[in-house]
Amino acid sequence: RIVKKLPYDEQVIDFMVAAIRHLRAKGVRTPAVMRALDGRHRVRLNGEWYAVFEAVPGRKPKYKRKEELAAIMRAMAEFHKASKGFVPPPGGIPRARLPEDWKRARAAERAQLAAWRSAALNKEQPDEFDRLLSSWGAALLAQCDAAIEGLQFAGFDRWVEAARRTHALCHLDFAAGNLVLTADGALHVVDMDTVAVEAPSADLRKIVNKVMRQLPSWDPETMMFMLREYRTVHPLTDGQLRAVLADVAFPHLSFEQIAKYAAKREAGEEDAELLAKVRRMIALDVSKASALRGVHAAIR
């Protein structure tokens, strides 16, 4: 058994437990939540909530092993497919677990990126971070604009609304660190406290980015392999596929690393390792612009 402290309120925990029960009933391999003596799935101790989960012995799958990457994508597809018919608990869906307003979120990230670039361009004594933003900021902003336009063209609003209406579930961190490959070759999904109502694009975009960030440059062949494996279990419409590709096209990786570095710099901290990650993520995001061309036609 594994005891976990859950830094959430009761509504979020009850939603997670309901999602786990539903997914397990539909065949998804994810650890069960044990009941306490009072029959509930959570216990309050010293002002904190705790839950006890089944432990699953095994190891993390490896992205670089093709058969294991295929298993990850098929397991994600099974997860999304199994979420159909999910009925939220009596408390309903917590606001934090509802789909994000993607237009506002992407627009805010673009505006922040533009502000960082503007500040870098106006520095009298720019450092390496400023020079990176000055050199590559325009390209990243162009990717933001193309991605937002692509999501609108693909009708992403309809997919998000359908997810809200049908209570479609996403893990939101469906990655090797939250998966366990057991000795019999079965893949189990753990750490379900991030589960939320979302369009599957959220999980797909994140896993593609996690795999690509381990490679020297963006690999369209690996990305196409991942999406093909997913679609063998959970088909996507042409519009949904376009939306996934547009979501992937947004420079999420660069924005995340730039935000981390900017926060540390504002606190007066130097972090050469984090700056190196900024440089690498910018290079990766810029390289994918050409790599993504033709992907849609290749995997339709």
C-alpha atoms as a PDB file:
ATOM      1  CA  ARG A   1       0.000   0.000   0.000  1.00  0.00           C
ATOM      2  CA  ILE A   2       1.025   3.602  -0.548  1.00  0.00           C
ATOM      3  CA  VAL A   3      -0.100   6.429   1.740  1.00  0.00           C
ATOM      4  CA  LYS A   4      -0.367   9.799  -0.029  1.00  0.00           C
ATOM      5  CA  LYS A   5      -0.979  13.240   1.371  1.00  0.00           C
ATOM      6  CA  LEU A   6      -3.448  15.025  -0.902  1.00  0.00           C
ATOM      7  CA  PRO A   7      -3.151  18.845  -0.865  1.00  0.00           C
ATOM      8  CA  TYR A   8      -6.724  19.331  -2.106  1.00  0.00           C
ATOM      9  CA  ASP A   9     -10.160  19.914  -0.678  1.00  0.00           C
ATOM     10  CA  GLU A  10     -12.783  17.193  -0.285  1.00  0.00           C
ATOM     11  CA  GLN A  11     -14.510  17.957  -3.584  1.00  0.00           C
ATOM     12  CA  VAL A  12     -11.326  17.434  -5.615  1.00  0.00           C
ATOM     13  CA  ILE A  13     -10.479  14.208  -3.768  1.00  0.00           C
ATOM     14  CA  ASP A  14     -13.999  12.809  -4.206  1.00  0.00           C
ATOM     15  CA  PHE A  15     -13.850  13.672  -7.915  1.00  0.00           C
ATOM     16  CA  MET A  16     -10.525  11.833  -8.248  1.00  0.00           C
ATOM     17  CA  VAL A  17     -11.879   8.761  -6.447  1.00  0.00           C
ATOM     18  CA  ALA A  18     -15.006   8.710  -8.645  1.00  0.00           C
ATOM     19  CA  ALA A  19     -12.835   8.957 -11.769  1.00  0.00           C
ATOM     20  CA  ILE A  20     -10.593   6.110 -10.582  1.00  0.00           C
ATOM     21  CA  ARG A  21     -13.573   3.875  -9.827  1.00  0.00           C
ATOM     22  CA  HIS A  22     -15.120   4.588 -13.231  1.00  0.00           C
ATOM     23  CA  LEU A  23     -11.895   3.985 -15.161  1.00  0.00           C
ATOM     24  CA  ARG A  24     -11.114   0.770 -13.273  1.00  0.00           C
ATOM     25  CA  ALA A  25     -14.606  -0.512 -14.014  1.00  0.00           C
ATOM     26  CA  LYS A  26     -13.920   0.145 -17.720  1.00  0.00           C
ATOM     27  CA  GLY A  27     -10.669  -1.839 -17.655  1.00  0.00           C
ATOM     28  CA  VAL A  28      -8.050   0.875 -17.118  1.00  0.00           C
ATOM     29  CA  ARG A  29      -5.199  -0.410 -14.952  1.00  0.00           C
ATOM     30  CA  THR A  30      -4.854   2.102 -12.153  1.00  0.00           C
ATOM     31  CA  PRO A  31      -4.399   1.434  -8.411  1.00  0.00           C
ATOM     32  CA  ALA A  32      -7.547   1.244  -6.302  1.00  0.00           C
ATOM     33  CA  VAL A  33      -8.145   3.614  -3.398  1.00  0.00           C
ATOM     34  CA  MET A  34      -8.621   1.791  -0.095  1.00  0.00           C
ATOM     35  CA  ARG A  35     -11.580   2.548   2.159  1.00  0.00           C
ATOM     36  CA  ALA A  36     -11.037   3.735   5.718  1.00  0.00           C
ATOM     37  CA  LEU A  37     -12.901   2.246   8.684  1.00  0.00           C
ATOM     38  CA  ASP A  38     -15.688   4.791   8.251  1.00  0.00           C
ATOM     39  CA  GLY A  39     -16.159   3.687   4.614  1.00  0.00           C
ATOM     40  CA  ARG A  40     -14.715   6.843   3.076  1.00  0.00           C
ATOM     41  CA  HIS A  41     -11.705   7.020   0.754  1.00  0.00           C
ATOM     42  CA  ARG A  42      -9.999   9.849   2.617  1.00  0.00           C
ATOM     43  CA  VAL A  43      -8.874  10.536   6.175  1.00  0.00           C
ATOM     44  CA  ARG A  44      -8.194  13.865   7.894  1.00  0.00           C
ATOM     45  CA  LEU A  45      -5.122  14.007  10.112  1.00  0.00           C
ATOM     46  CA  ASN A  46      -3.496  17.126  11.602  1.00  0.00           C
ATOM     47  CA  GLY A  47      -5.319  19.340   9.130  1.00  0.00           C
ATOM     48  CA  GLU A  48      -4.256  17.315   6.070  1.00  0.00           C
ATOM     49  CA  TRP A  49      -6.101  14.843   3.852  1.00  0.00           C
ATOM     50  CA  TYR A  50      -4.633  11.383   3.216  1.00  0.00           C
ATOM     51  CA  ALA A  51      -5.589   8.405   1.079  1.00  0.00           C
ATOM     52  CA  VAL A  52      -4.204   4.874   0.773  1.00  0.00           C
ATOM     53  CA  PHE A  53      -3.633   3.364  -2.676  1.00  0.00           C
ATOM     54  CA  GLU A  54      -2.672  -0.063  -3.917  1.00  0.00           C
ATOM     55  CA  ALA A  55       1.040  -0.353  -4.689  1.00  0.00           C
ATOM     56  CA  VAL A  56       2.049  -1.615  -8.158  1.00  0.00           C
ATOM     57  CA  PRO A  57       5.525  -3.206  -8.413  1.00  0.00           C
ATOM     58  CA  GLY A  58       7.351  -2.578 -11.669  1.00  0.00           C
ATOM     59  CA  ARG A  59       9.422  -0.003 -13.528  1.00  0.00           C
ATOM     60  CA  LYS A  60       8.916   3.107 -15.610  1.00  0.00           C
ATOM     61  CA  PRO A  61       8.495   2.495 -19.346  1.00  0.00           C
ATOM     62  CA  LYS A  62      11.147   3.966 -21.639  1.00  0.00           C
ATOM     63  CA  TYR A  63      10.279   6.321 -24.481  1.00  0.00           C
ATOM     64  CA  LYS A  64      13.272   5.180 -26.527  1.00  0.00           C
ATOM     65  CA  ARG A  65      11.992   1.592 -26.664  1.00  0.00           C
ATOM     66  CA  LYS A  66       9.556   1.626 -29.552  1.00  0.00           C
ATOM     67  CA  GLU A  67       7.332  -1.140 -28.201  1.00  0.00           C
ATOM     68  CA  GLU A  68       7.048   0.632 -24.844  1.00  0.00           C
ATOM     69  CA  LEU A  69       6.293   3.998 -26.453  1.00  0.00           C
ATOM     70  CA  ALA A  70       3.562   2.267 -28.470  1.00  0.00           C
ATOM     71  CA  ALA A  71       2.178   0.750 -25.250  1.00  0.00           C
ATOM     72  CA  ILE A  72       2.087   4.216 -23.640  1.00  0.00           C
ATOM     73  CA  MET A  73       0.118   5.690 -26.535  1.00  0.00           C
ATOM     74  CA  ARG A  74      -2.356   2.796 -26.634  1.00  0.00           C
ATOM     75  CA  ALA A  75      -2.812   2.991 -22.844  1.00  0.00           C
ATOM     76  CA  MET A  76      -3.529   6.725 -23.135  1.00  0.00           C
ATOM     77  CA  ALA A  77      -6.079   6.035 -25.854  1.00  0.00           C
ATOM     78  CA  GLU A  78      -7.725   3.371 -23.675  1.00  0.00           C
ATOM     79  CA  PHE A  79      -7.827   5.868 -20.797  1.00  0.00           C
ATOM     80  CA  HIS A  80      -9.617   8.480 -22.931  1.00  0.00           C
ATOM     81  CA  LYS A  81     -11.967   5.932 -24.476  1.00  0.00           C
ATOM     82  CA  ALA A  82     -12.860   4.472 -21.065  1.00  0.00           C
ATOM     83  CA  SER A  83     -13.815   7.889 -19.700  1.00  0.00           C
ATOM     84  CA  LYS A  84     -17.017   7.846 -21.766  1.00  0.00           C
ATOM     85  CA  GLY A  85     -20.046   7.618 -19.521  1.00  0.00           C
ATOM     86  CA  PHE A  86     -18.289   9.026 -16.479  1.00  0.00           C
ATOM     87  CA  VAL A  87     -20.752  10.494 -13.985  1.00  0.00           C
ATOM     88  CA  PRO A  88     -19.255  13.035 -11.548  1.00  0.00           C
ATOM     89  CA  PRO A  89     -19.845  12.518  -7.803  1.00  0.00           C
ATOM     90  CA  PRO A  90     -22.680  14.389  -6.016  1.00  0.00           C
ATOM     91  CA  GLY A  91     -20.411  17.371  -5.348  1.00  0.00           C
ATOM     92  CA  GLY A  92     -19.953  17.859  -9.089  1.00  0.00           C
ATOM     93  CA  ILE A  93     -16.792  18.727 -11.004  1.00  0.00           C
ATOM     94  CA  PRO A  94     -14.434  21.085  -9.145  1.00  0.00           C
ATOM     95  CA  ARG A  95     -13.726  24.271 -11.072  1.00  0.00           C
ATOM     96  CA  ALA A  96     -10.023  23.430 -11.056  1.00  0.00           C
ATOM     97  CA  ARG A  97     -10.845  20.218 -12.924  1.00  0.00           C
ATOM     98  CA  LEU A  98     -12.884  21.825 -15.726  1.00  0.00           C
ATOM     99  CA  PRO A  99     -11.436  22.620 -19.190  1.00  0.00           C
ATOM    100  CA  GLU A 100      -9.283  25.708 -19.337  1.00  0.00           C
ATOM    101  CA  ASP A 101     -10.302  28.709 -21.377  1.00  0.00           C
ATOM    102  CA  TRP A 102      -7.669  27.886 -23.992  1.00  0.00           C
ATOM    103  CA  LYS A 103      -8.018  31.138 -25.950  1.00  0.00           C
ATOM    104  CA  ARG A 104      -7.404  33.263 -22.883  1.00  0.00           C
ATOM    105  CA  ALA A 105      -4.584  30.994 -21.665  1.00  0.00           C
ATOM    106  CA  ARG A 106      -2.720  30.972 -24.997  1.00  0.00           C
ATOM    107  CA  ALA A 107      -3.287  34.708 -25.494  1.00  0.00           C
ATOM    108  CA  ALA A 108      -1.905  35.416 -22.007  1.00  0.00           C
ATOM    109  CA  GLU A 109       1.172  33.274 -22.679  1.00  0.00           C
ATOM    110  CA  ARG A 110       1.749  35.014 -25.992  1.00  0.00           C
ATOM    111  CA  ALA A 111       1.450  38.434 -24.348  1.00  0.00           C
ATOM    112  CA  GLN A 112       3.922  37.426 -21.635  1.00  0.00           C
ATOM    113  CA  LEU A 113       6.372  36.144 -24.235  1.00  0.00           C
ATOM    114  CA  ALA A 114       6.057  39.415 -26.148  1.00  0.00           C
ATOM    115  CA  ALA A 115       6.716  41.364 -22.937  1.00  0.00           C
ATOM    116  CA  TRP A 116       9.862  39.346 -22.178  1.00  0.00           C
ATOM    117  CA  ARG A 117      11.113  39.907 -25.742  1.00  0.00           C
ATOM    118  CA  SER A 118      10.391  43.638 -25.575  1.00  0.00           C
ATOM    119  CA  ALA A 119      12.280  43.936 -22.284  1.00  0.00           C
ATOM    120  CA  ALA A 120      15.227  42.040 -23.773  1.00  0.00           C
ATOM    121  CA  LEU A 121      15.339  44.261 -26.859  1.00  0.00           C
ATOM    122  CA  ASN A 122      15.395  47.387 -24.694  1.00  0.00           C
ATOM    123  CA  LYS A 123      18.188  46.239 -22.364  1.00  0.00           C
ATOM    124  CA  GLU A 124      21.233  48.516 -22.472  1.00  0.00           C
ATOM    125  CA  GLN A 125      23.459  45.707 -21.257  1.00  0.00           C
ATOM    126  CA  PRO A 126      21.800  42.471 -22.396  1.00  0.00           C
ATOM    127  CA  ASP A 127      22.943  39.175 -20.971  1.00  0.00           C
ATOM    128  CA  GLU A 128      22.741  35.770 -22.692  1.00  0.00           C
ATOM    129  CA  PHE A 129      19.086  35.343 -21.743  1.00  0.00           C
ATOM    130  CA  ASP A 130      18.218  38.714 -23.312  1.00  0.00           C
ATOM    131  CA  ARG A 131      20.154  37.841 -26.457  1.00  0.00           C
ATOM    132  CA  LEU A 132      18.275  34.561 -26.796  1.00  0.00           C
ATOM    133  CA  LEU A 133      14.923  36.336 -26.581  1.00  0.00           C
ATOM    134  CA  SER A 134      16.037  39.075 -28.948  1.00  0.00           C
ATOM    135  CA  SER A 135      17.195  36.524 -31.527  1.00  0.00           C
ATOM    136  CA  TRP A 136      14.376  34.003 -31.319  1.00  0.00           C
ATOM    137  CA  GLY A 137      11.437  35.852 -29.765  1.00  0.00           C
ATOM    138  CA  ALA A 138       9.907  36.826 -33.114  1.00  0.00           C
ATOM    139  CA  ALA A 139       9.983  33.213 -34.328  1.00  0.00           C
ATOM    140  CA  LEU A 140       8.353  31.987 -31.111  1.00  0.00           C
ATOM    141  CA  LEU A 141       5.636  34.648 -31.338  1.00  0.00           C
ATOM    142  CA  ALA A 142       4.952  33.627 -34.933  1.00  0.00           C
ATOM    143  CA  GLN A 143       4.500  30.042 -33.712  1.00  0.00           C
ATOM    144  CA  CYS A 144       2.054  31.286 -31.070  1.00  0.00           C
ATOM    145  CA  ASP A 145      -0.016  33.061 -33.713  1.00  0.00           C
ATOM    146  CA  ALA A 146       0.019  30.108 -36.108  1.00  0.00           C
ATOM    147  CA  ALA A 147      -0.998  27.687 -33.333  1.00  0.00           C
ATOM    148  CA  ILE A 148      -3.881  29.862 -32.101  1.00  0.00           C
ATOM    149  CA  GLU A 149      -5.133  30.331 -35.661  1.00  0.00           C
ATOM    150  CA  GLY A 150      -4.809  26.588 -36.289  1.00  0.00           C
ATOM    151  CA  LEU A 151      -6.832  25.721 -33.183  1.00  0.00           C
ATOM    152  CA  GLN A 152      -9.591  28.093 -34.257  1.00  0.00           C
ATOM    153  CA  PHE A 153      -9.579  26.695 -37.805  1.00  0.00           C
ATOM    154  CA  ALA A 154      -9.796  23.123 -36.476  1.00  0.00           C
ATOM    155  CA  GLY A 155     -12.851  23.953 -34.366  1.00  0.00           C
ATOM    156  CA  PHE A 156     -11.091  23.250 -31.086  1.00  0.00           C
ATOM    157  CA  ASP A 157     -13.907  25.035 -29.222  1.00  0.00           C
ATOM    158  CA  ARG A 158     -16.314  22.253 -30.235  1.00  0.00           C
ATOM    159  CA  TRP A 159     -13.961  19.549 -28.940  1.00  0.00           C
ATOM    160  CA  VAL A 160     -13.528  21.338 -25.605  1.00  0.00           C
ATOM    161  CA  GLU A 161     -17.277  21.849 -25.267  1.00  0.00           C
ATOM    162  CA  ALA A 162     -17.937  18.182 -26.064  1.00  0.00           C
ATOM    163  CA  ALA A 163     -15.412  17.192 -23.383  1.00  0.00           C
ATOM    164  CA  ARG A 164     -17.210  19.402 -20.873  1.00  0.00           C
ATOM    165  CA  ARG A 165     -20.623  18.023 -21.832  1.00  0.00           C
ATOM    166  CA  THR A 166     -19.622  14.334 -21.772  1.00  0.00           C
ATOM    167  CA  HIS A 167     -17.217  14.636 -18.797  1.00  0.00           C
ATOM    168  CA  ALA A 168     -14.252  13.340 -20.845  1.00  0.00           C
ATOM    169  CA  LEU A 169     -11.301  12.620 -18.586  1.00  0.00           C
ATOM    170  CA  CYS A 170      -7.609  13.397 -19.059  1.00  0.00           C
ATOM    171  CA  HIS A 171      -4.775  12.483 -16.721  1.00  0.00           C
ATOM    172  CA  LEU A 172      -2.864  15.733 -17.494  1.00  0.00           C
ATOM    173  CA  ASP A 173       0.485  14.108 -16.628  1.00  0.00           C
ATOM    174  CA  PHE A 174       0.289  10.867 -18.589  1.00  0.00           C
ATOM    175  CA  ALA A 175       4.046  10.283 -18.798  1.00  0.00           C
ATOM    176  CA  ALA A 176       6.644   7.655 -17.955  1.00  0.00           C
ATOM    177  CA  GLY A 177       7.018   9.023 -14.427  1.00  0.00           C
ATOM    178  CA  ASN A 178       3.361   8.228 -13.733  1.00  0.00           C
ATOM    179  CA  LEU A 179       3.259   4.840 -15.441  1.00  0.00           C
ATOM    180  CA  VAL A 180       4.374   1.442 -14.137  1.00  0.00           C
ATOM    181  CA  LEU A 181       5.278  -1.447 -16.428  1.00  0.00           C
ATOM    182  CA  THR A 182       4.808  -4.717 -14.552  1.00  0.00           C
ATOM    183  CA  ALA A 183       6.614  -8.010 -15.115  1.00  0.00           C
ATOM    184  CA  ASP A 184       3.716  -9.347 -17.215  1.00  0.00           C
ATOM    185  CA  GLY A 185       4.012  -6.413 -19.628  1.00  0.00           C
ATOM    186  CA  ALA A 186       0.913  -4.558 -18.395  1.00  0.00           C
ATOM    187  CA  LEU A 187       1.013  -0.774 -18.125  1.00  0.00           C
ATOM    188  CA  HIS A 188      -0.553   0.803 -15.031  1.00  0.00           C
ATOM    189  CA  VAL A 189      -1.443   4.494 -14.628  1.00  0.00           C
ATOM    190  CA  VAL A 190      -0.601   5.982 -11.217  1.00  0.00           C
ATOM    191  CA  ASP A 191      -0.764   9.380  -9.508  1.00  0.00           C
ATOM    192  CA  MET A 192      -4.309  10.156 -10.576  1.00  0.00           C
ATOM    193  CA  ASP A 193      -4.676  13.297  -8.452  1.00  0.00           C
ATOM    194  CA  THR A 194      -4.298  15.474 -11.578  1.00  0.00           C
ATOM    195  CA  VAL A 195      -7.226  13.848 -13.420  1.00  0.00           C
ATOM    196  CA  ALA A 196      -9.588  16.420 -14.917  1.00  0.00           C
ATOM    197  CA  VAL A 197     -12.286  16.988 -17.515  1.00  0.00           C
ATOM    198  CA  GLU A 198     -10.443  17.967 -20.697  1.00  0.00           C
ATOM    199  CA  ALA A 199     -10.265  17.319 -24.421  1.00  0.00           C
ATOM    200  CA  PRO A 200      -7.760  14.499 -25.140  1.00  0.00           C
ATOM    201  CA  SER A 201      -5.543  17.018 -26.920  1.00  0.00           C
ATOM    202  CA  ALA A 202      -4.187  18.095 -23.524  1.00  0.00           C
ATOM    203  CA  ASP A 203      -2.692  14.670 -22.802  1.00  0.00           C
ATOM    204  CA  LEU A 204      -1.560  14.159 -26.407  1.00  0.00           C
ATOM    205  CA  ARG A 205       0.256  17.476 -26.625  1.00  0.00           C
ATOM    206  CA  LYS A 206       2.020  16.908 -23.314  1.00  0.00           C
ATOM    207  CA  ILE A 207       3.252  13.389 -24.083  1.00  0.00           C
ATOM    208  CA  VAL A 208       4.511  14.444 -27.520  1.00  0.00           C
ATOM    209  CA  ASN A 209       6.442  17.318 -25.931  1.00  0.00           C
ATOM    210  CA  LYS A 210       7.866  15.075 -23.193  1.00  0.00           C
ATOM    211  CA  VAL A 211       9.162  12.568 -25.749  1.00  0.00           C
ATOM    212  CA  MET A 212      10.546  15.222 -28.109  1.00  0.00           C
ATOM    213  CA  ARG A 213      12.429  17.091 -25.388  1.00  0.00           C
ATOM    214  CA  GLN A 214      14.602  13.995 -24.929  1.00  0.00           C
ATOM    215  CA  LEU A 215      15.670  14.086 -28.581  1.00  0.00           C
ATOM    216  CA  PRO A 216      18.316  16.350 -30.168  1.00  0.00           C
ATOM    217  CA  SER A 217      15.730  17.867 -32.533  1.00  0.00           C
ATOM    218  CA  TRP A 218      12.057  17.496 -33.379  1.00  0.00           C
ATOM    219  CA  ASP A 219      11.442  14.077 -34.949  1.00  0.00           C
ATOM    220  CA  PRO A 220       8.277  14.016 -37.104  1.00  0.00           C
ATOM    221  CA  GLU A 221       8.586  10.252 -37.654  1.00  0.00           C
ATOM    222  CA  THR A 222       8.424   9.529 -33.925  1.00  0.00           C
ATOM    223  CA  MET A 223       5.524  11.938 -33.507  1.00  0.00           C
ATOM    224  CA  MET A 224       3.605  10.297 -36.362  1.00  0.00           C
ATOM    225  CA  PHE A 225       4.288   6.868 -34.857  1.00  0.00           C
ATOM    226  CA  MET A 226       2.868   8.032 -31.516  1.00  0.00           C
ATOM    227  CA  LEU A 227      -0.307   9.459 -33.042  1.00  0.00           C
ATOM    228  CA  ARG A 228      -0.857   6.388 -35.219  1.00  0.00           C
ATOM    229  CA  GLU A 229      -0.592   4.075 -32.204  1.00  0.00           C
ATOM    230  CA  TYR A 230      -3.058   6.234 -30.279  1.00  0.00           C
ATOM    231  CA  ARG A 231      -5.556   6.276 -33.147  1.00  0.00           C
ATOM    232  CA  THR A 232      -5.581   2.482 -33.476  1.00  0.00           C
ATOM    233  CA  VAL A 233      -7.464   2.460 -30.151  1.00  0.00           C
ATOM    234  CA  HIS A 234      -9.175   5.860 -30.035  1.00  0.00           C
ATOM    235  CA  PRO A 235      -9.775   7.335 -33.517  1.00  0.00           C
ATOM    236  CA  LEU A 236      -9.676  11.091 -34.040  1.00  0.00           C
ATOM    237  CA  THR A 237     -11.699  13.063 -36.553  1.00  0.00           C
ATOM    238  CA  ASP A 238      -9.840  15.113 -39.128  1.00  0.00           C
ATOM    239  CA  GLY A 239     -10.612  18.287 -37.169  1.00  0.00           C
ATOM    240  CA  GLN A 240      -9.427  16.759 -33.894  1.00  0.00           C
ATOM    241  CA  LEU A 241      -6.167  15.658 -35.509  1.00  0.00           C
ATOM    242  CA  ARG A 242      -5.646  19.174 -36.855  1.00  0.00           C
ATOM    243  CA  ALA A 243      -6.324  20.551 -33.364  1.00  0.00           C
ATOM    244  CA  VAL A 244      -3.715  18.247 -31.793  1.00  0.00           C
ATOM    245  CA  LEU A 245      -1.112  19.338 -34.327  1.00  0.00           C
ATOM    246  CA  ALA A 246      -1.966  23.000 -33.781  1.00  0.00           C
ATOM    247  CA  ASP A 247      -1.734  22.541 -29.996  1.00  0.00           C
ATOM    248  CA  VAL A 248       1.663  20.870 -30.404  1.00  0.00           C
ATOM    249  CA  ALA A 249       2.798  23.753 -32.641  1.00  0.00           C
ATOM    250  CA  PHE A 250       2.461  26.283 -29.803  1.00  0.00           C
ATOM    251  CA  PRO A 251       5.907  26.843 -28.166  1.00  0.00           C
ATOM    252  CA  HIS A 252       4.867  25.364 -24.812  1.00  0.00           C
ATOM    253  CA  LEU A 253       8.360  24.020 -24.081  1.00  0.00           C
ATOM    254  CA  SER A 254      10.091  27.365 -24.576  1.00  0.00           C
ATOM    255  CA  PHE A 255       7.456  29.273 -22.626  1.00  0.00           C
ATOM    256  CA  GLU A 256       7.737  26.929 -19.637  1.00  0.00           C
ATOM    257  CA  GLN A 257      11.529  27.182 -19.430  1.00  0.00           C
ATOM    258  CA  ILE A 258      11.630  30.937 -20.090  1.00  0.00           C
ATOM    259  CA  ALA A 259       9.057  31.477 -17.311  1.00  0.00           C
ATOM    260  CA  LYS A 260      11.159  29.465 -14.855  1.00  0.00           C
ATOM    261  CA  TYR A 261      14.333  31.345 -15.712  1.00  0.00           C
ATOM    262  CA  ALA A 262      12.635  34.761 -15.630  1.00  0.00           C
ATOM    263  CA  ALA A 263      11.235  34.031 -12.150  1.00  0.00           C
ATOM    264  CA  LYS A 264      14.671  33.057 -10.841  1.00  0.00           C
ATOM    265  CA  ARG A 265      16.326  36.081 -12.400  1.00  0.00           C
ATOM    266  CA  GLU A 266      13.750  38.383 -10.807  1.00  0.00           C
ATOM    267  CA  ALA A 267      14.637  36.790  -7.464  1.00  0.00           C
ATOM    268  CA  GLY A 268      18.295  37.624  -8.104  1.00  0.00           C
ATOM    269  CA  GLU A 269      19.394  34.034  -8.711  1.00  0.00           C
ATOM    270  CA  GLU A 270      21.734  32.821 -11.450  1.00  0.00           C
ATOM    271  CA  ASP A 271      21.077  29.374 -12.885  1.00  0.00           C
ATOM    272  CA  ALA A 272      23.358  28.308 -15.735  1.00  0.00           C
ATOM    273  CA  GLU A 273      21.723  24.883 -15.992  1.00  0.00           C
ATOM    274  CA  LEU A 274      18.261  26.393 -16.379  1.00  0.00           C
ATOM    275  CA  LEU A 275      19.563  28.872 -18.966  1.00  0.00           C
ATOM    276  CA  ALA A 276      20.966  25.958 -20.948  1.00  0.00           C
ATOM    277  CA  LYS A 277      17.499  24.376 -20.863  1.00  0.00           C
ATOM    278  CA  VAL A 278      15.995  27.632 -22.161  1.00  0.00           C
ATOM    279  CA  ARG A 279      18.445  27.587 -25.061  1.00  0.00           C
ATOM    280  CA  ARG A 280      17.711  23.943 -25.819  1.00  0.00           C
ATOM    281  CA  MET A 281      13.910  24.286 -25.640  1.00  0.00           C
ATOM    282  CA  ILE A 282      13.969  27.314 -27.947  1.00  0.00           C
ATOM    283  CA  ALA A 283      16.045  25.338 -30.461  1.00  0.00           C
ATOM    284  CA  LEU A 284      13.627  22.406 -30.184  1.00  0.00           C
ATOM    285  CA  ASP A 285      10.528  24.568 -30.643  1.00  0.00           C
ATOM    286  CA  VAL A 286      12.057  26.398 -33.603  1.00  0.00           C
ATOM    287  CA  SER A 287      13.071  23.102 -35.235  1.00  0.00           C
ATOM    288  CA  LYS A 288       9.530  21.732 -35.077  1.00  0.00           C
ATOM    289  CA  ALA A 289       8.077  24.503 -37.258  1.00  0.00           C
ATOM    290  CA  SER A 290       9.360  22.871 -40.445  1.00  0.00           C
ATOM    291  CA  ALA A 291       9.138  19.343 -39.042  1.00  0.00           C
ATOM    292  CA  LEU A 292       5.363  19.634 -38.516  1.00  0.00           C
ATOM    293  CA  ARG A 293       4.700  20.537 -42.145  1.00  0.00           C
ATOM    294  CA  GLY A 294       3.128  17.634 -43.932  1.00  0.00           C
ATOM    295  CA  VAL A 295       2.494  15.610 -40.766  1.00  0.00           C
ATOM    296  CA  HIS A 296      -1.292  15.929 -41.074  1.00  0.00           C
ATOM    297  CA  ALA A 297      -1.349  14.584 -44.626  1.00  0.00           C
ATOM    298  CA  ALA A 298       1.033  11.771 -43.700  1.00  0.00           C
ATOM    299  CA  ILE A 299      -1.072  10.336 -40.869  1.00  0.00           C
ATOM    300  CA  ARG A 300      -4.646  11.021 -42.017  1.00  0.00           C
END
